[in-house]
Amino acid sequence: MNPHPPPDIVVIGGSNMDLHARANEQVVMGSSMSGSAGISPGGVGRNVAENLARLGDAVALVSVVGDDPIGEEVISYTEDVGVDCSHVRRRGDVRTGTYNAVLDSSGELVVAVADMAATDEFSPLVVEAARDLIVSARGVLVEGNIPVRTAEVAIGLAHDAGLPVGFDPVSVSKARRARDLIRADRELYLVTPNQAELSALTDLPVDSDAEIEKAVSSLHDRGVGVVWVRLGARGSVISYHDVYQELPAVPTDVLDVTGAGDAMLAAFTHEALRGVDLVEAARFGHAAAALTCGTHDTVRMDLSESLVRELA
């Protein structure tokens, strides 16, 4: 028997182990340098699920890991923070993914190598096996690291059940391959690209504010209800119905940017589930991202709704 209550939200996405190293000095390619390193469970889908759990939401994760010690550690840790991992599949024929990132002395990403063997083998059958869980939720989040055919099944299943679906394209290459997931005959509630991903999703330039607005409008024309474009240190733009508003980022001392976007999406979803005005939900998301940037953790370990509200 599953001890978890029916979920507020089901997150469908990748799970892996993050290894990140931060240089104490200027990064010189091809050379070693002093710094610090850490390891923690990661993966966009898993990170979003953990953030939601820490904010107090009932959340379930549908994912794939290898049947290996790293996979066991990822699942055990994620269950301990309150995420229902009963539909995280362990596969003996693949290894659990790792994300290996090098950060400069300011905490910005220099380069990363992602070994996503398990996520690449995330079959639609894993989603089908979680059908009853998914249709019992109030909403579904899908992230672009999983294969397109799997995302297609997940979005279709949620849509047929009348559930709002959010989609995070994750990267430019994943956004480019996911273009056909966004279509007018099957509305997506939310899409959350950054500026470059917006261009990849729409095949439009986004070098000016006017071009960003035009690209956002094209996503609305393709059935997206809410478009939230992350603009890095500048902040974000959120667009829905008759609202088109830019929001500033929350100032913070950056230690590590890893996981900030995942916290941002989770915090926004936390508020949206409660019917909060979406501009205010986006502000809440910015606060969660700033708090995450202020630690070395992929997911801030003391994250809570009250902590975010103090900053929002």
C-alpha atoms as a PDB file:
ATOM      1  CA  MET A   1       0.000   0.000   0.000  1.00  0.00           C
ATOM      2  CA  ASN A   2       1.290   3.454  -0.906  1.00  0.00           C
ATOM      3  CA  PRO A   3       1.648   5.465   2.361  1.00  0.00           C
ATOM      4  CA  HIS A   4       1.518   8.785   0.523  1.00  0.00           C
ATOM      5  CA  PRO A   5      -1.697  10.809   0.049  1.00  0.00           C
ATOM      6  CA  PRO A   6      -2.990  11.524  -3.472  1.00  0.00           C
ATOM      7  CA  PRO A   7      -0.546  14.048  -4.917  1.00  0.00           C
ATOM      8  CA  ASP A   8      -1.202  17.708  -5.554  1.00  0.00           C
ATOM      9  CA  ILE A   9       1.266  17.468  -8.404  1.00  0.00           C
ATOM     10  CA  VAL A  10       3.004  14.698 -10.331  1.00  0.00           C
ATOM     11  CA  VAL A  11       6.430  15.528 -11.749  1.00  0.00           C
ATOM     12  CA  ILE A  12       7.595  13.458 -14.719  1.00  0.00           C
ATOM     13  CA  GLY A  13      11.306  13.841 -15.403  1.00  0.00           C
ATOM     14  CA  GLY A  14      14.903  12.923 -14.783  1.00  0.00           C
ATOM     15  CA  SER A  15      16.712  11.850 -11.632  1.00  0.00           C
ATOM     16  CA  ASN A  16      20.474  11.710 -11.254  1.00  0.00           C
ATOM     17  CA  MET A  17      23.393  12.572  -8.991  1.00  0.00           C
ATOM     18  CA  ASP A  18      24.913  16.050  -9.242  1.00  0.00           C
ATOM     19  CA  LEU A  19      28.632  16.610  -8.825  1.00  0.00           C
ATOM     20  CA  HIS A  20      29.661  20.246  -8.896  1.00  0.00           C
ATOM     21  CA  ALA A  21      33.039  21.867  -8.435  1.00  0.00           C
ATOM     22  CA  ARG A  22      33.585  25.605  -7.902  1.00  0.00           C
ATOM     23  CA  ALA A  23      36.918  27.241  -8.642  1.00  0.00           C
ATOM     24  CA  ASN A  24      38.421  29.613  -6.105  1.00  0.00           C
ATOM     25  CA  GLU A  25      40.240  31.501  -8.848  1.00  0.00           C
ATOM     26  CA  GLN A  26      39.843  32.420 -12.495  1.00  0.00           C
ATOM     27  CA  VAL A  27      39.055  29.368 -14.587  1.00  0.00           C
ATOM     28  CA  VAL A  28      41.801  28.550 -17.079  1.00  0.00           C
ATOM     29  CA  MET A  29      40.740  25.925 -19.592  1.00  0.00           C
ATOM     30  CA  GLY A  30      43.094  22.945 -19.791  1.00  0.00           C
ATOM     31  CA  SER A  31      44.507  23.597 -16.335  1.00  0.00           C
ATOM     32  CA  SER A  32      43.762  22.538 -12.756  1.00  0.00           C
ATOM     33  CA  MET A  33      42.920  25.064 -10.031  1.00  0.00           C
ATOM     34  CA  SER A  34      41.967  25.140  -6.380  1.00  0.00           C
ATOM     35  CA  GLY A  35      38.334  25.006  -5.366  1.00  0.00           C
ATOM     36  CA  SER A  36      35.618  23.083  -3.575  1.00  0.00           C
ATOM     37  CA  ALA A  37      33.342  20.231  -4.670  1.00  0.00           C
ATOM     38  CA  GLY A  38      30.079  18.651  -3.572  1.00  0.00           C
ATOM     39  CA  ILE A  39      27.725  15.825  -4.474  1.00  0.00           C
ATOM     40  CA  SER A  40      23.942  15.719  -4.090  1.00  0.00           C
ATOM     41  CA  PRO A  41      20.882  14.148  -5.735  1.00  0.00           C
ATOM     42  CA  GLY A  42      19.770  16.092  -8.793  1.00  0.00           C
ATOM     43  CA  GLY A  43      17.915  15.940 -12.083  1.00  0.00           C
ATOM     44  CA  VAL A  44      15.442  18.621 -13.142  1.00  0.00           C
ATOM     45  CA  GLY A  45      12.320  16.591 -12.423  1.00  0.00           C
ATOM     46  CA  ARG A  46      13.651  15.275  -9.124  1.00  0.00           C
ATOM     47  CA  ASN A  47      14.822  18.747  -8.056  1.00  0.00           C
ATOM     48  CA  VAL A  48      11.423  20.271  -8.779  1.00  0.00           C
ATOM     49  CA  ALA A  49       9.723  17.483  -6.831  1.00  0.00           C
ATOM     50  CA  GLU A  50      12.009  17.957  -3.812  1.00  0.00           C
ATOM     51  CA  ASN A  51      11.450  21.722  -3.817  1.00  0.00           C
ATOM     52  CA  LEU A  52       7.679  21.173  -3.902  1.00  0.00           C
ATOM     53  CA  ALA A  53       7.887  18.731  -0.997  1.00  0.00           C
ATOM     54  CA  ARG A  54       9.964  21.180   1.045  1.00  0.00           C
ATOM     55  CA  LEU A  55       7.341  23.857   0.352  1.00  0.00           C
ATOM     56  CA  GLY A  56       4.687  21.550   1.813  1.00  0.00           C
ATOM     57  CA  ASP A  57       3.037  20.081  -1.281  1.00  0.00           C
ATOM     58  CA  ALA A  58       2.021  16.448  -1.742  1.00  0.00           C
ATOM     59  CA  VAL A  59       4.162  15.480  -4.726  1.00  0.00           C
ATOM     60  CA  ALA A  60       4.947  12.279  -6.605  1.00  0.00           C
ATOM     61  CA  LEU A  61       7.841  11.652  -8.973  1.00  0.00           C
ATOM     62  CA  VAL A  62       7.729   9.460 -12.073  1.00  0.00           C
ATOM     63  CA  SER A  63      11.298   8.784 -13.157  1.00  0.00           C
ATOM     64  CA  VAL A  64      13.978   6.198 -13.979  1.00  0.00           C
ATOM     65  CA  VAL A  65      17.289   5.395 -12.290  1.00  0.00           C
ATOM     66  CA  GLY A  66      19.745   2.550 -12.600  1.00  0.00           C
ATOM     67  CA  ASP A  67      19.570  -0.417 -10.262  1.00  0.00           C
ATOM     68  CA  ASP A  68      22.833   0.603  -8.636  1.00  0.00           C
ATOM     69  CA  PRO A  69      24.059   2.227  -5.392  1.00  0.00           C
ATOM     70  CA  ILE A  70      23.799   5.754  -6.812  1.00  0.00           C
ATOM     71  CA  GLY A  71      20.204   5.152  -7.870  1.00  0.00           C
ATOM     72  CA  GLU A  72      19.360   3.730  -4.471  1.00  0.00           C
ATOM     73  CA  GLU A  73      20.848   6.808  -2.781  1.00  0.00           C
ATOM     74  CA  VAL A  74      18.886   9.166  -5.064  1.00  0.00           C
ATOM     75  CA  ILE A  75      15.594   7.389  -4.293  1.00  0.00           C
ATOM     76  CA  SER A  76      16.248   7.048  -0.555  1.00  0.00           C
ATOM     77  CA  TYR A  77      17.157  10.716  -0.155  1.00  0.00           C
ATOM     78  CA  THR A  78      14.179  11.894  -2.213  1.00  0.00           C
ATOM     79  CA  GLU A  79      11.737   9.726  -0.274  1.00  0.00           C
ATOM     80  CA  ASP A  80      13.168  11.026   3.008  1.00  0.00           C
ATOM     81  CA  VAL A  81      12.270  14.625   2.090  1.00  0.00           C
ATOM     82  CA  GLY A  82       8.653  13.622   1.436  1.00  0.00           C
ATOM     83  CA  VAL A  83       8.402  12.801  -2.269  1.00  0.00           C
ATOM     84  CA  ASP A  84       6.374   9.744  -3.312  1.00  0.00           C
ATOM     85  CA  CYS A  85       8.919   7.702  -5.303  1.00  0.00           C
ATOM     86  CA  SER A  86       6.768   4.602  -5.708  1.00  0.00           C
ATOM     87  CA  HIS A  87       6.796   5.136  -9.498  1.00  0.00           C
ATOM     88  CA  VAL A  88      10.538   5.710  -9.867  1.00  0.00           C
ATOM     89  CA  ARG A  89      11.640   2.682 -11.859  1.00  0.00           C
ATOM     90  CA  ARG A  90      14.986   0.984 -11.215  1.00  0.00           C
ATOM     91  CA  ARG A  91      16.530  -0.477 -14.381  1.00  0.00           C
ATOM     92  CA  GLY A  92      19.330  -2.990 -14.215  1.00  0.00           C
ATOM     93  CA  ASP A  93      20.481  -2.404 -17.786  1.00  0.00           C
ATOM     94  CA  VAL A  94      21.478   1.262 -17.350  1.00  0.00           C
ATOM     95  CA  ARG A  95      23.479   3.279 -14.823  1.00  0.00           C
ATOM     96  CA  THR A  96      22.015   6.147 -12.846  1.00  0.00           C
ATOM     97  CA  GLY A  97      22.770   9.456 -14.521  1.00  0.00           C
ATOM     98  CA  THR A  98      25.288  11.999 -13.289  1.00  0.00           C
ATOM     99  CA  TYR A  99      25.540  15.733 -13.915  1.00  0.00           C
ATOM    100  CA  ASN A 100      29.100  17.007 -13.566  1.00  0.00           C
ATOM    101  CA  ALA A 101      29.362  20.803 -13.428  1.00  0.00           C
ATOM    102  CA  VAL A 102      32.293  23.205 -13.124  1.00  0.00           C
ATOM    103  CA  LEU A 103      31.502  26.687 -11.785  1.00  0.00           C
ATOM    104  CA  ASP A 104      33.642  29.796 -11.824  1.00  0.00           C
ATOM    105  CA  SER A 105      34.496  31.734  -8.679  1.00  0.00           C
ATOM    106  CA  SER A 106      31.252  33.735  -8.946  1.00  0.00           C
ATOM    107  CA  GLY A 107      29.122  30.568  -9.003  1.00  0.00           C
ATOM    108  CA  GLU A 108      28.238  30.749 -12.698  1.00  0.00           C
ATOM    109  CA  LEU A 109      28.373  27.613 -14.819  1.00  0.00           C
ATOM    110  CA  VAL A 110      31.496  27.223 -16.970  1.00  0.00           C
ATOM    111  CA  VAL A 111      30.913  23.762 -18.386  1.00  0.00           C
ATOM    112  CA  ALA A 112      28.954  20.624 -17.527  1.00  0.00           C
ATOM    113  CA  VAL A 113      28.953  17.019 -18.686  1.00  0.00           C
ATOM    114  CA  ALA A 114      25.698  15.121 -18.311  1.00  0.00           C
ATOM    115  CA  ASP A 115      25.579  11.327 -18.417  1.00  0.00           C
ATOM    116  CA  MET A 116      21.846  10.713 -18.772  1.00  0.00           C
ATOM    117  CA  ALA A 117      21.735   7.057 -19.777  1.00  0.00           C
ATOM    118  CA  ALA A 118      18.802   6.213 -17.478  1.00  0.00           C
ATOM    119  CA  THR A 119      16.769   9.274 -18.478  1.00  0.00           C
ATOM    120  CA  ASP A 120      17.401   8.523 -22.158  1.00  0.00           C
ATOM    121  CA  GLU A 121      15.839   5.097 -21.550  1.00  0.00           C
ATOM    122  CA  PHE A 122      12.750   6.582 -19.880  1.00  0.00           C
ATOM    123  CA  SER A 123      10.091   4.611 -21.751  1.00  0.00           C
ATOM    124  CA  PRO A 124       6.424   5.593 -22.234  1.00  0.00           C
ATOM    125  CA  LEU A 125       5.658   2.335 -20.411  1.00  0.00           C
ATOM    126  CA  VAL A 126       6.889   3.954 -17.179  1.00  0.00           C
ATOM    127  CA  VAL A 127       4.280   6.688 -17.632  1.00  0.00           C
ATOM    128  CA  GLU A 128       1.562   4.188 -18.528  1.00  0.00           C
ATOM    129  CA  ALA A 129       2.341   2.243 -15.352  1.00  0.00           C
ATOM    130  CA  ALA A 130       1.764   5.434 -13.351  1.00  0.00           C
ATOM    131  CA  ARG A 131      -1.552   6.262 -15.061  1.00  0.00           C
ATOM    132  CA  ASP A 132      -3.694   5.932 -11.917  1.00  0.00           C
ATOM    133  CA  LEU A 133      -1.288   8.102  -9.940  1.00  0.00           C
ATOM    134  CA  ILE A 134      -1.175  10.779 -12.625  1.00  0.00           C
ATOM    135  CA  VAL A 135      -4.934  11.101 -13.112  1.00  0.00           C
ATOM    136  CA  SER A 136      -5.419  11.392  -9.331  1.00  0.00           C
ATOM    137  CA  ALA A 137      -3.333  14.597  -9.208  1.00  0.00           C
ATOM    138  CA  ARG A 138      -4.387  18.226  -9.498  1.00  0.00           C
ATOM    139  CA  GLY A 139      -1.688  18.975 -12.063  1.00  0.00           C
ATOM    140  CA  VAL A 140       1.305  17.543 -13.920  1.00  0.00           C
ATOM    141  CA  LEU A 141       4.775  18.917 -14.666  1.00  0.00           C
ATOM    142  CA  VAL A 142       6.819  17.424 -17.510  1.00  0.00           C
ATOM    143  CA  GLU A 143      10.449  18.326 -18.190  1.00  0.00           C
ATOM    144  CA  GLY A 144      12.315  18.135 -21.457  1.00  0.00           C
ATOM    145  CA  ASN A 145      15.127  15.760 -20.500  1.00  0.00           C
ATOM    146  CA  ILE A 146      12.879  12.750 -21.013  1.00  0.00           C
ATOM    147  CA  PRO A 147      12.430  11.344 -24.536  1.00  0.00           C
ATOM    148  CA  VAL A 148       9.900  13.201 -26.671  1.00  0.00           C
ATOM    149  CA  ARG A 149       7.790  10.077 -27.187  1.00  0.00           C
ATOM    150  CA  THR A 150       7.514   9.703 -23.392  1.00  0.00           C
ATOM    151  CA  ALA A 151       6.658  13.367 -22.892  1.00  0.00           C
ATOM    152  CA  GLU A 152       4.019  13.018 -25.599  1.00  0.00           C
ATOM    153  CA  VAL A 153       2.351  10.155 -23.743  1.00  0.00           C
ATOM    154  CA  ALA A 154       2.530  11.987 -20.406  1.00  0.00           C
ATOM    155  CA  ILE A 155       1.057  15.209 -21.770  1.00  0.00           C
ATOM    156  CA  GLY A 156      -1.659  13.323 -23.655  1.00  0.00           C
ATOM    157  CA  LEU A 157      -2.644  11.293 -20.611  1.00  0.00           C
ATOM    158  CA  ALA A 158      -2.884  14.383 -18.408  1.00  0.00           C
ATOM    159  CA  HIS A 159      -4.748  16.343 -21.072  1.00  0.00           C
ATOM    160  CA  ASP A 160      -7.309  13.568 -21.522  1.00  0.00           C
ATOM    161  CA  ALA A 161      -7.856  13.598 -17.751  1.00  0.00           C
ATOM    162  CA  GLY A 162      -8.513  17.348 -17.853  1.00  0.00           C
ATOM    163  CA  LEU A 163      -5.416  18.218 -15.825  1.00  0.00           C
ATOM    164  CA  PRO A 164      -3.314  21.362 -16.268  1.00  0.00           C
ATOM    165  CA  VAL A 165       0.124  20.504 -17.647  1.00  0.00           C
ATOM    166  CA  GLY A 166       3.326  22.497 -17.291  1.00  0.00           C
ATOM    167  CA  PHE A 167       6.335  21.910 -19.531  1.00  0.00           C
ATOM    168  CA  ASP A 168       9.925  22.991 -18.852  1.00  0.00           C
ATOM    169  CA  PRO A 169      12.035  22.666 -22.031  1.00  0.00           C
ATOM    170  CA  VAL A 170      15.275  22.490 -19.953  1.00  0.00           C
ATOM    171  CA  SER A 171      17.821  23.396 -22.673  1.00  0.00           C
ATOM    172  CA  VAL A 172      18.080  24.745 -26.203  1.00  0.00           C
ATOM    173  CA  SER A 173      18.659  21.332 -27.763  1.00  0.00           C
ATOM    174  CA  LYS A 174      15.793  19.751 -25.814  1.00  0.00           C
ATOM    175  CA  ALA A 175      13.519  22.689 -26.662  1.00  0.00           C
ATOM    176  CA  ARG A 176      14.298  22.290 -30.349  1.00  0.00           C
ATOM    177  CA  ARG A 177      13.358  18.625 -30.356  1.00  0.00           C
ATOM    178  CA  ALA A 178      10.204  19.309 -28.302  1.00  0.00           C
ATOM    179  CA  ARG A 179       8.603  21.825 -30.682  1.00  0.00           C
ATOM    180  CA  ASP A 180       5.889  19.417 -31.775  1.00  0.00           C
ATOM    181  CA  LEU A 181       4.764  18.858 -28.185  1.00  0.00           C
ATOM    182  CA  ILE A 182       3.255  22.347 -28.282  1.00  0.00           C
ATOM    183  CA  ARG A 183       0.217  22.425 -30.526  1.00  0.00           C
ATOM    184  CA  ALA A 184      -3.093  24.236 -30.598  1.00  0.00           C
ATOM    185  CA  ASP A 185      -5.301  21.121 -30.409  1.00  0.00           C
ATOM    186  CA  ARG A 186      -3.922  20.187 -26.961  1.00  0.00           C
ATOM    187  CA  GLU A 187      -3.481  23.156 -24.673  1.00  0.00           C
ATOM    188  CA  LEU A 188      -0.573  23.317 -22.281  1.00  0.00           C
ATOM    189  CA  TYR A 189      -1.243  25.335 -19.154  1.00  0.00           C
ATOM    190  CA  LEU A 190       2.343  26.531 -18.703  1.00  0.00           C
ATOM    191  CA  VAL A 191       5.634  26.620 -20.626  1.00  0.00           C
ATOM    192  CA  THR A 192       8.764  27.996 -18.927  1.00  0.00           C
ATOM    193  CA  PRO A 193      11.639  28.616 -21.377  1.00  0.00           C
ATOM    194  CA  ASN A 194      14.609  30.867 -20.908  1.00  0.00           C
ATOM    195  CA  GLN A 195      15.340  33.374 -23.652  1.00  0.00           C
ATOM    196  CA  ALA A 196      17.358  30.995 -25.842  1.00  0.00           C
ATOM    197  CA  GLU A 197      14.878  28.156 -25.348  1.00  0.00           C
ATOM    198  CA  LEU A 198      12.055  30.468 -26.379  1.00  0.00           C
ATOM    199  CA  SER A 199      13.804  30.988 -29.702  1.00  0.00           C
ATOM    200  CA  ALA A 200      14.332  27.239 -30.102  1.00  0.00           C
ATOM    201  CA  LEU A 201      10.669  26.480 -29.382  1.00  0.00           C
ATOM    202  CA  THR A 202       9.374  29.070 -31.830  1.00  0.00           C
ATOM    203  CA  ASP A 203      12.145  29.341 -34.440  1.00  0.00           C
ATOM    204  CA  LEU A 204      11.940  33.114 -33.983  1.00  0.00           C
ATOM    205  CA  PRO A 205      14.595  35.690 -32.985  1.00  0.00           C
ATOM    206  CA  VAL A 206      14.440  36.952 -29.379  1.00  0.00           C
ATOM    207  CA  ASP A 207      17.159  39.588 -29.318  1.00  0.00           C
ATOM    208  CA  SER A 208      14.892  42.507 -28.397  1.00  0.00           C
ATOM    209  CA  ASP A 209      11.906  42.990 -26.104  1.00  0.00           C
ATOM    210  CA  ALA A 210       9.623  43.282 -29.130  1.00  0.00           C
ATOM    211  CA  GLU A 211      10.950  39.999 -30.540  1.00  0.00           C
ATOM    212  CA  ILE A 212      10.475  38.258 -27.187  1.00  0.00           C
ATOM    213  CA  GLU A 213       6.873  39.449 -27.052  1.00  0.00           C
ATOM    214  CA  LYS A 214       6.239  38.216 -30.600  1.00  0.00           C
ATOM    215  CA  ALA A 215       7.706  34.790 -29.801  1.00  0.00           C
ATOM    216  CA  VAL A 216       5.617  34.572 -26.627  1.00  0.00           C
ATOM    217  CA  SER A 217       2.508  35.432 -28.654  1.00  0.00           C
ATOM    218  CA  SER A 218       3.297  32.608 -31.073  1.00  0.00           C
ATOM    219  CA  LEU A 219       3.264  30.133 -28.173  1.00  0.00           C
ATOM    220  CA  HIS A 220      -0.130  31.433 -27.083  1.00  0.00           C
ATOM    221  CA  ASP A 221      -1.327  30.876 -30.660  1.00  0.00           C
ATOM    222  CA  ARG A 222      -0.189  27.252 -30.308  1.00  0.00           C
ATOM    223  CA  GLY A 223      -2.342  26.656 -27.244  1.00  0.00           C
ATOM    224  CA  VAL A 224      -0.098  27.674 -24.334  1.00  0.00           C
ATOM    225  CA  GLY A 225      -2.061  29.433 -21.616  1.00  0.00           C
ATOM    226  CA  VAL A 226       0.814  30.844 -19.538  1.00  0.00           C
ATOM    227  CA  VAL A 227       4.282  31.610 -20.889  1.00  0.00           C
ATOM    228  CA  TRP A 228       6.946  32.444 -18.314  1.00  0.00           C
ATOM    229  CA  VAL A 229      10.258  33.432 -19.886  1.00  0.00           C
ATOM    230  CA  ARG A 230      13.305  33.442 -17.607  1.00  0.00           C
ATOM    231  CA  LEU A 231      15.746  36.231 -18.441  1.00  0.00           C
ATOM    232  CA  GLY A 232      18.600  35.381 -16.079  1.00  0.00           C
ATOM    233  CA  ALA A 233      19.870  38.229 -13.908  1.00  0.00           C
ATOM    234  CA  ARG A 234      17.348  40.561 -15.541  1.00  0.00           C
ATOM    235  CA  GLY A 235      14.388  38.621 -14.150  1.00  0.00           C
ATOM    236  CA  SER A 236      11.516  37.222 -16.188  1.00  0.00           C
ATOM    237  CA  VAL A 237       8.476  37.967 -18.321  1.00  0.00           C
ATOM    238  CA  ILE A 238       5.131  36.320 -17.610  1.00  0.00           C
ATOM    239  CA  SER A 239       2.291  36.384 -20.133  1.00  0.00           C
ATOM    240  CA  TYR A 240      -1.285  35.099 -19.871  1.00  0.00           C
ATOM    241  CA  HIS A 241      -4.721  36.364 -20.878  1.00  0.00           C
ATOM    242  CA  ASP A 242      -4.341  40.187 -21.035  1.00  0.00           C
ATOM    243  CA  VAL A 243      -1.256  40.248 -18.778  1.00  0.00           C
ATOM    244  CA  TYR A 244       2.263  40.753 -20.100  1.00  0.00           C
ATOM    245  CA  GLN A 245       4.600  41.793 -17.313  1.00  0.00           C
ATOM    246  CA  GLU A 246       8.324  41.858 -16.686  1.00  0.00           C
ATOM    247  CA  LEU A 247       9.502  41.051 -13.173  1.00  0.00           C
ATOM    248  CA  PRO A 248      12.951  41.841 -11.752  1.00  0.00           C
ATOM    249  CA  ALA A 249      15.149  39.150 -10.252  1.00  0.00           C
ATOM    250  CA  VAL A 250      15.599  39.203  -6.483  1.00  0.00           C
ATOM    251  CA  PRO A 251      19.122  40.454  -5.632  1.00  0.00           C
ATOM    252  CA  THR A 252      21.317  37.863  -3.932  1.00  0.00           C
ATOM    253  CA  ASP A 253      24.937  36.913  -3.346  1.00  0.00           C
ATOM    254  CA  VAL A 254      25.422  33.994  -5.727  1.00  0.00           C
ATOM    255  CA  LEU A 255      27.281  30.944  -4.456  1.00  0.00           C
ATOM    256  CA  ASP A 256      25.984  28.415  -7.002  1.00  0.00           C
ATOM    257  CA  VAL A 257      23.328  28.815  -9.695  1.00  0.00           C
ATOM    258  CA  THR A 258      22.710  25.048  -9.959  1.00  0.00           C
ATOM    259  CA  GLY A 259      19.052  24.249  -9.287  1.00  0.00           C
ATOM    260  CA  ALA A 260      17.821  27.855  -9.166  1.00  0.00           C
ATOM    261  CA  GLY A 261      15.498  27.430 -12.141  1.00  0.00           C
ATOM    262  CA  ASP A 262      14.066  24.245 -10.631  1.00  0.00           C
ATOM    263  CA  ALA A 263      13.306  26.065  -7.367  1.00  0.00           C
ATOM    264  CA  MET A 264      11.737  28.893  -9.346  1.00  0.00           C
ATOM    265  CA  LEU A 265       9.364  26.544 -11.187  1.00  0.00           C
ATOM    266  CA  ALA A 266       8.458  24.621  -8.027  1.00  0.00           C
ATOM    267  CA  ALA A 267       7.671  27.767  -6.048  1.00  0.00           C
ATOM    268  CA  PHE A 268       5.550  29.156  -8.874  1.00  0.00           C
ATOM    269  CA  THR A 269       3.640  25.860  -9.065  1.00  0.00           C
ATOM    270  CA  HIS A 270       3.178  25.848  -5.275  1.00  0.00           C
ATOM    271  CA  GLU A 271       1.404  29.201  -5.492  1.00  0.00           C
ATOM    272  CA  ALA A 272      -0.523  28.468  -8.687  1.00  0.00           C
ATOM    273  CA  LEU A 273      -2.027  25.359  -7.065  1.00  0.00           C
ATOM    274  CA  ARG A 274      -3.530  27.679  -4.464  1.00  0.00           C
ATOM    275  CA  GLY A 275      -5.081  30.043  -6.992  1.00  0.00           C
ATOM    276  CA  VAL A 276      -2.639  32.868  -6.243  1.00  0.00           C
ATOM    277  CA  ASP A 277      -2.378  35.649  -8.823  1.00  0.00           C
ATOM    278  CA  LEU A 278       0.207  34.414 -11.310  1.00  0.00           C
ATOM    279  CA  VAL A 279       2.327  37.573 -11.213  1.00  0.00           C
ATOM    280  CA  GLU A 280       2.616  37.124  -7.455  1.00  0.00           C
ATOM    281  CA  ALA A 281       3.332  33.423  -7.986  1.00  0.00           C
ATOM    282  CA  ALA A 282       6.196  34.420 -10.281  1.00  0.00           C
ATOM    283  CA  ARG A 283       7.563  36.793  -7.628  1.00  0.00           C
ATOM    284  CA  PHE A 284       7.451  33.894  -5.165  1.00  0.00           C
ATOM    285  CA  GLY A 285       9.393  31.843  -7.718  1.00  0.00           C
ATOM    286  CA  HIS A 286      12.072  34.521  -8.018  1.00  0.00           C
ATOM    287  CA  ALA A 287      12.490  34.561  -4.243  1.00  0.00           C
ATOM    288  CA  ALA A 288      12.949  30.778  -4.137  1.00  0.00           C
ATOM    289  CA  ALA A 289      15.536  30.987  -6.925  1.00  0.00           C
ATOM    290  CA  ALA A 290      17.476  33.695  -5.064  1.00  0.00           C
ATOM    291  CA  LEU A 291      17.494  31.609  -1.888  1.00  0.00           C
ATOM    292  CA  THR A 292      18.796  28.614  -3.829  1.00  0.00           C
ATOM    293  CA  CYS A 293      21.575  30.666  -5.465  1.00  0.00           C
ATOM    294  CA  GLY A 294      22.676  31.664  -1.982  1.00  0.00           C
ATOM    295  CA  THR A 295      23.692  28.109  -1.029  1.00  0.00           C
ATOM    296  CA  HIS A 296      25.888  25.361  -2.447  1.00  0.00           C
ATOM    297  CA  ASP A 297      22.900  22.980  -2.400  1.00  0.00           C
ATOM    298  CA  THR A 298      21.131  21.983  -5.625  1.00  0.00           C
ATOM    299  CA  VAL A 299      17.959  22.162  -3.533  1.00  0.00           C
ATOM    300  CA  ARG A 300      18.221  24.412  -0.492  1.00  0.00           C
ATOM    301  CA  MET A 301      17.974  22.117   2.520  1.00  0.00           C
ATOM    302  CA  ASP A 302      16.173  24.635   4.763  1.00  0.00           C
ATOM    303  CA  LEU A 303      13.748  25.753   2.045  1.00  0.00           C
ATOM    304  CA  SER A 304      10.228  26.337   3.357  1.00  0.00           C
ATOM    305  CA  GLU A 305       7.188  28.378   2.441  1.00  0.00           C
ATOM    306  CA  SER A 306       7.802  30.751   5.333  1.00  0.00           C
ATOM    307  CA  LEU A 307      11.444  31.299   4.323  1.00  0.00           C
ATOM    308  CA  VAL A 308      10.441  32.185   0.764  1.00  0.00           C
ATOM    309  CA  ARG A 309       7.672  34.509   1.962  1.00  0.00           C
ATOM    310  CA  GLU A 310      10.199  36.464   4.035  1.00  0.00           C
ATOM    311  CA  LEU A 311      12.047  37.340   0.816  1.00  0.00           C
ATOM    312  CA  ALA A 312       9.205  37.477  -1.741  1.00  0.00           C
END
